[in-house]
Amino acid sequence: MEPLYVPAGHMTARQTATTLGITLTGLRTLVHRGKLTPAGGSPRQRYYDTGAVLALLTPGA
């Protein structure tokens, strides 16, 4: 279930995984390795900063 409210400039976990072209398991792996940090939400329904997600897509940024 997706969160009912996500602040402007943020993405749900599912949106983040889709944007990065990975699974939710892959997203959890990125978080565990410290490559991406949740920007808020609850422990079960996190959301991520859109800028941080897009930074992962641009190599060398």
PDB file of N, CA and C in Angstrom:
ATOM      1  N   MET A   1       0.842  -1.178   0.000  1.00  0.00           N
ATOM      2  CA  MET A   1       0.000   0.000   0.000  1.00  0.00           C
ATOM      3  C   MET A   1       0.887   1.241   0.000  1.00  0.00           C
ATOM      4  N   GLU A   2       0.581   2.154  -0.896  1.00  0.00           N
ATOM      5  CA  GLU A   2       1.332   3.393  -1.000  1.00  0.00           C
ATOM      6  C   GLU A   2       0.864   4.384   0.073  1.00  0.00           C
ATOM      7  N   PRO A   3       1.764   5.250   0.525  1.00  0.00           N
ATOM      8  CA  PRO A   3       1.352   6.281   1.486  1.00  0.00           C
ATOM      9  C   PRO A   3       0.291   7.192   0.867  1.00  0.00           C
ATOM     10  N   LEU A   4      -0.609   7.688   1.684  1.00  0.00           N
ATOM     11  CA  LEU A   4      -1.649   8.583   1.177  1.00  0.00           C
ATOM     12  C   LEU A   4      -1.114   9.977   0.900  1.00  0.00           C
ATOM     13  N   TYR A   5      -0.065  10.377   1.602  1.00  0.00           N
ATOM     14  CA  TYR A   5       0.493  11.712   1.437  1.00  0.00           C
ATOM     15  C   TYR A   5       2.004  11.620   1.319  1.00  0.00           C
ATOM     16  N   VAL A   6       2.533  12.206   0.258  1.00  0.00           N
ATOM     17  CA  VAL A   6       3.977  12.315   0.087  1.00  0.00           C
ATOM     18  C   VAL A   6       4.251  13.786  -0.205  1.00  0.00           C
ATOM     19  N   PRO A   7       5.134  14.435   0.557  1.00  0.00           N
ATOM     20  CA  PRO A   7       5.409  15.856   0.344  1.00  0.00           C
ATOM     21  C   PRO A   7       5.948  16.131  -1.059  1.00  0.00           C
ATOM     22  N   ALA A   8       5.732  17.340  -1.510  1.00  0.00           N
ATOM     23  CA  ALA A   8       6.246  17.757  -2.819  1.00  0.00           C
ATOM     24  C   ALA A   8       7.766  17.581  -2.835  1.00  0.00           C
ATOM     25  N   GLY A   9       8.291  17.121  -3.971  1.00  0.00           N
ATOM     26  CA  GLY A   9       9.727  16.926  -4.092  1.00  0.00           C
ATOM     27  C   GLY A   9      10.210  15.592  -3.559  1.00  0.00           C
ATOM     28  N   HIS A  10       9.279  14.686  -3.267  1.00  0.00           N
ATOM     29  CA  HIS A  10       9.623  13.376  -2.737  1.00  0.00           C
ATOM     30  C   HIS A  10       8.910  12.291  -3.540  1.00  0.00           C
ATOM     31  N   MET A  11       9.406  11.073  -3.430  1.00  0.00           N
ATOM     32  CA  MET A  11       8.837   9.941  -4.153  1.00  0.00           C
ATOM     33  C   MET A  11       8.611   8.783  -3.184  1.00  0.00           C
ATOM     34  N   THR A  12       7.588   7.978  -3.485  1.00  0.00           N
ATOM     35  CA  THR A  12       7.364   6.777  -2.690  1.00  0.00           C
ATOM     36  C   THR A  12       8.442   5.753  -3.033  1.00  0.00           C
ATOM     37  N   ALA A  13       8.517   4.702  -2.241  1.00  0.00           N
ATOM     38  CA  ALA A  13       9.500   3.647  -2.501  1.00  0.00           C
ATOM     39  C   ALA A  13       9.251   3.011  -3.862  1.00  0.00           C
ATOM     40  N   ARG A  14       8.008   2.759  -4.204  1.00  0.00           N
ATOM     41  CA  ARG A  14       7.682   2.143  -5.487  1.00  0.00           C
ATOM     42  C   ARG A  14       8.064   3.069  -6.641  1.00  0.00           C
ATOM     43  N   GLN A  15       7.768   4.361  -6.525  1.00  0.00           N
ATOM     44  CA  GLN A  15       8.142   5.322  -7.564  1.00  0.00           C
ATOM     45  C   GLN A  15       9.661   5.395  -7.702  1.00  0.00           C
ATOM     46  N   THR A  16      10.355   5.365  -6.577  1.00  0.00           N
ATOM     47  CA  THR A  16      11.814   5.422  -6.592  1.00  0.00           C
ATOM     48  C   THR A  16      12.399   4.205  -7.294  1.00  0.00           C
ATOM     49  N   ALA A  17      11.911   3.021  -6.951  1.00  0.00           N
ATOM     50  CA  ALA A  17      12.405   1.794  -7.578  1.00  0.00           C
ATOM     51  C   ALA A  17      12.131   1.811  -9.082  1.00  0.00           C
ATOM     52  N   THR A  18      10.953   2.246  -9.480  1.00  0.00           N
ATOM     53  CA  THR A  18      10.614   2.306 -10.897  1.00  0.00           C
ATOM     54  C   THR A  18      11.513   3.285 -11.628  1.00  0.00           C
ATOM     55  N   THR A  19      11.751   4.442 -11.036  1.00  0.00           N
ATOM     56  CA  THR A  19      12.613   5.455 -11.649  1.00  0.00           C
ATOM     57  C   THR A  19      14.027   4.929 -11.838  1.00  0.00           C
ATOM     58  N   LEU A  20      14.531   4.198 -10.858  1.00  0.00           N
ATOM     59  CA  LEU A  20      15.887   3.664 -10.930  1.00  0.00           C
ATOM     60  C   LEU A  20      15.967   2.373 -11.743  1.00  0.00           C
ATOM     61  N   GLY A  21      14.817   1.798 -12.085  1.00  0.00           N
ATOM     62  CA  GLY A  21      14.794   0.563 -12.860  1.00  0.00           C
ATOM     63  C   GLY A  21      15.213  -0.652 -12.064  1.00  0.00           C
ATOM     64  N   ILE A  22      14.876  -0.644 -10.765  1.00  0.00           N
ATOM     65  CA  ILE A  22      15.230  -1.756  -9.884  1.00  0.00           C
ATOM     66  C   ILE A  22      13.980  -2.225  -9.145  1.00  0.00           C
ATOM     67  N   THR A  23      14.111  -3.319  -8.422  1.00  0.00           N
ATOM     68  CA  THR A  23      13.004  -3.827  -7.615  1.00  0.00           C
ATOM     69  C   THR A  23      13.012  -3.145  -6.243  1.00  0.00           C
ATOM     70  N   LEU A  24      11.967  -3.389  -5.479  1.00  0.00           N
ATOM     71  CA  LEU A  24      11.930  -2.859  -4.113  1.00  0.00           C
ATOM     72  C   LEU A  24      13.034  -3.480  -3.264  1.00  0.00           C
ATOM     73  N   THR A  25      13.370  -4.725  -3.542  1.00  0.00           N
ATOM     74  CA  THR A  25      14.482  -5.366  -2.840  1.00  0.00           C
ATOM     75  C   THR A  25      15.792  -4.658  -3.169  1.00  0.00           C
ATOM     76  N   GLY A  26      15.961  -4.292  -4.429  1.00  0.00           N
ATOM     77  CA  GLY A  26      17.151  -3.548  -4.836  1.00  0.00           C
ATOM     78  C   GLY A  26      17.216  -2.191  -4.162  1.00  0.00           C
ATOM     79  N   LEU A  27      16.064  -1.548  -3.996  1.00  0.00           N
ATOM     80  CA  LEU A  27      16.005  -0.263  -3.307  1.00  0.00           C
ATOM     81  C   LEU A  27      16.424  -0.424  -1.846  1.00  0.00           C
ATOM     82  N   ARG A  28      15.933  -1.460  -1.192  1.00  0.00           N
ATOM     83  CA  ARG A  28      16.328  -1.712   0.197  1.00  0.00           C
ATOM     84  C   ARG A  28      17.832  -1.952   0.298  1.00  0.00           C
ATOM     85  N   THR A  29      18.392  -2.601  -0.712  1.00  0.00           N
ATOM     86  CA  THR A  29      19.837  -2.838  -0.734  1.00  0.00           C
ATOM     87  C   THR A  29      20.595  -1.517  -0.845  1.00  0.00           C
ATOM     88  N   LEU A  30      20.124  -0.610  -1.706  1.00  0.00           N
ATOM     89  CA  LEU A  30      20.761   0.707  -1.825  1.00  0.00           C
ATOM     90  C   LEU A  30      20.738   1.458  -0.499  1.00  0.00           C
ATOM     91  N   VAL A  31      19.610   1.388   0.194  1.00  0.00           N
ATOM     92  CA  VAL A  31      19.482   2.065   1.487  1.00  0.00           C
ATOM     93  C   VAL A  31      20.422   1.420   2.504  1.00  0.00           C
ATOM     94  N   HIS A  32      20.460   0.099   2.528  1.00  0.00           N
ATOM     95  CA  HIS A  32      21.320  -0.620   3.477  1.00  0.00           C
ATOM     96  C   HIS A  32      22.791  -0.287   3.245  1.00  0.00           C
ATOM     97  N   ARG A  33      23.186  -0.119   1.987  1.00  0.00           N
ATOM     98  CA  ARG A  33      24.580   0.196   1.657  1.00  0.00           C
ATOM     99  C   ARG A  33      24.907   1.682   1.814  1.00  0.00           C
ATOM    100  N   GLY A  34      23.904   2.491   2.122  1.00  0.00           N
ATOM    101  CA  GLY A  34      24.140   3.907   2.354  1.00  0.00           C
ATOM    102  C   GLY A  34      24.174   4.761   1.098  1.00  0.00           C
ATOM    103  N   LYS A  35      23.728   4.223  -0.023  1.00  0.00           N
ATOM    104  CA  LYS A  35      23.720   4.977  -1.279  1.00  0.00           C
ATOM    105  C   LYS A  35      22.530   5.926  -1.358  1.00  0.00           C
ATOM    106  N   LEU A  36      21.472   5.638  -0.602  1.00  0.00           N
ATOM    107  CA  LEU A  36      20.265   6.446  -0.605  1.00  0.00           C
ATOM    108  C   LEU A  36      19.703   6.454   0.814  1.00  0.00           C
ATOM    109  N   THR A  37      19.267   7.613   1.261  1.00  0.00           N
ATOM    110  CA  THR A  37      18.729   7.747   2.610  1.00  0.00           C
ATOM    111  C   THR A  37      17.250   8.140   2.544  1.00  0.00           C
ATOM    112  N   PRO A  38      16.386   7.452   3.278  1.00  0.00           N
ATOM    113  CA  PRO A  38      14.979   7.848   3.301  1.00  0.00           C
ATOM    114  C   PRO A  38      14.835   9.279   3.821  1.00  0.00           C
ATOM    115  N   ALA A  39      13.901  10.017   3.254  1.00  0.00           N
ATOM    116  CA  ALA A  39      13.688  11.413   3.637  1.00  0.00           C
ATOM    117  C   ALA A  39      12.521  11.565   4.602  1.00  0.00           C
ATOM    118  N   GLY A  40      11.898  10.465   4.965  1.00  0.00           N
ATOM    119  CA  GLY A  40      10.789  10.550   5.904  1.00  0.00           C
ATOM    120  C   GLY A  40       9.811   9.415   5.703  1.00  0.00           C
ATOM    121  N   GLY A  41       8.635   9.585   6.263  1.00  0.00           N
ATOM    122  CA  GLY A  41       7.626   8.546   6.213  1.00  0.00           C
ATOM    123  C   GLY A  41       7.697   7.684   7.456  1.00  0.00           C
ATOM    124  N   SER A  42       7.020   6.558   7.399  1.00  0.00           N
ATOM    125  CA  SER A  42       7.045   5.621   8.522  1.00  0.00           C
ATOM    126  C   SER A  42       8.048   4.511   8.202  1.00  0.00           C
ATOM    127  N   PRO A  43       8.388   3.687   9.181  1.00  0.00           N
ATOM    128  CA  PRO A  43       9.323   2.590   8.901  1.00  0.00           C
ATOM    129  C   PRO A  43       8.839   1.644   7.800  1.00  0.00           C
ATOM    130  N   ARG A  44       7.530   1.528   7.632  1.00  0.00           N
ATOM    131  CA  ARG A  44       6.996   0.630   6.605  1.00  0.00           C
ATOM    132  C   ARG A  44       6.684   1.350   5.292  1.00  0.00           C
ATOM    133  N   GLN A  45       6.531   2.655   5.309  1.00  0.00           N
ATOM    134  CA  GLN A  45       6.188   3.410   4.102  1.00  0.00           C
ATOM    135  C   GLN A  45       7.073   4.644   4.015  1.00  0.00           C
ATOM    136  N   ARG A  46       8.251   4.454   3.519  1.00  0.00           N
ATOM    137  CA  ARG A  46       9.225   5.543   3.439  1.00  0.00           C
ATOM    138  C   ARG A  46       9.056   6.315   2.139  1.00  0.00           C
ATOM    139  N   TYR A  47       9.562   7.540   2.154  1.00  0.00           N
ATOM    140  CA  TYR A  47       9.666   8.275   0.901  1.00  0.00           C
ATOM    141  C   TYR A  47      11.057   8.850   0.787  1.00  0.00           C
ATOM    142  N   TYR A  48      11.434   9.193  -0.447  1.00  0.00           N
ATOM    143  CA  TYR A  48      12.807   9.566  -0.766  1.00  0.00           C
ATOM    144  C   TYR A  48      12.820  10.896  -1.500  1.00  0.00           C
ATOM    145  N   ASP A  49      13.870  11.673  -1.282  1.00  0.00           N
ATOM    146  CA  ASP A  49      14.038  12.965  -1.928  1.00  0.00           C
ATOM    147  C   ASP A  49      14.261  12.754  -3.424  1.00  0.00           C
ATOM    148  N   THR A  50      13.472  13.434  -4.245  1.00  0.00           N
ATOM    149  CA  THR A  50      13.567  13.276  -5.695  1.00  0.00           C
ATOM    150  C   THR A  50      14.949  13.651  -6.207  1.00  0.00           C
ATOM    151  N   GLY A  51      15.548  14.698  -5.679  1.00  0.00           N
ATOM    152  CA  GLY A  51      16.884  15.109  -6.109  1.00  0.00           C
ATOM    153  C   GLY A  51      17.929  14.044  -5.845  1.00  0.00           C
ATOM    154  N   ALA A  52      17.841  13.385  -4.690  1.00  0.00           N
ATOM    155  CA  ALA A  52      18.797  12.330  -4.350  1.00  0.00           C
ATOM    156  C   ALA A  52      18.616  11.122  -5.260  1.00  0.00           C
ATOM    157  N   VAL A  53      17.368  10.830  -5.618  1.00  0.00           N
ATOM    158  CA  VAL A  53      17.095   9.707  -6.523  1.00  0.00           C
ATOM    159  C   VAL A  53      17.663  10.011  -7.900  1.00  0.00           C
ATOM    160  N   LEU A  54      17.394  11.204  -8.398  1.00  0.00           N
ATOM    161  CA  LEU A  54      17.878  11.575  -9.738  1.00  0.00           C
ATOM    162  C   LEU A  54      19.401  11.653  -9.778  1.00  0.00           C
ATOM    163  N   ALA A  55      20.028  11.996  -8.648  1.00  0.00           N
ATOM    164  CA  ALA A  55      21.502  12.049  -8.588  1.00  0.00           C
ATOM    165  C   ALA A  55      22.100  10.663  -8.803  1.00  0.00           C
ATOM    166  N   LEU A  56      21.371   9.615  -8.407  1.00  0.00           N
ATOM    167  CA  LEU A  56      21.858   8.249  -8.619  1.00  0.00           C
ATOM    168  C   LEU A  56      21.828   7.867 -10.104  1.00  0.00           C
ATOM    169  N   LEU A  57      20.979   8.545 -10.864  1.00  0.00           N
ATOM    170  CA  LEU A  57      20.871   8.238 -12.302  1.00  0.00           C
ATOM    171  C   LEU A  57      21.975   8.896 -13.124  1.00  0.00           C
ATOM    172  N   THR A  58      22.571   9.975 -12.615  1.00  0.00           N
ATOM    173  CA  THR A  58      23.580  10.692 -13.389  1.00  0.00           C
ATOM    174  C   THR A  58      24.977  10.275 -12.931  1.00  0.00           C
ATOM    175  N   PRO A  59      25.691   9.570 -13.781  1.00  0.00           N
ATOM    176  CA  PRO A  59      27.036   9.149 -13.400  1.00  0.00           C
ATOM    177  C   PRO A  59      27.980  10.343 -13.283  1.00  0.00           C
ATOM    178  N   GLY A  60      28.801  10.336 -12.290  1.00  0.00           N
ATOM    179  CA  GLY A  60      29.773  11.411 -12.088  1.00  0.00           C
ATOM    180  C   GLY A  60      29.216  12.639 -11.402  1.00  0.00           C
ATOM    181  N   ALA A  61      27.936  12.574 -11.003  1.00  0.00           N
ATOM    182  CA  ALA A  61      27.364  13.750 -10.336  1.00  0.00           C
ATOM    183  C   ALA A  61      27.484  13.621  -8.844  1.00  0.00           C
TER     184      ALA A  61
END
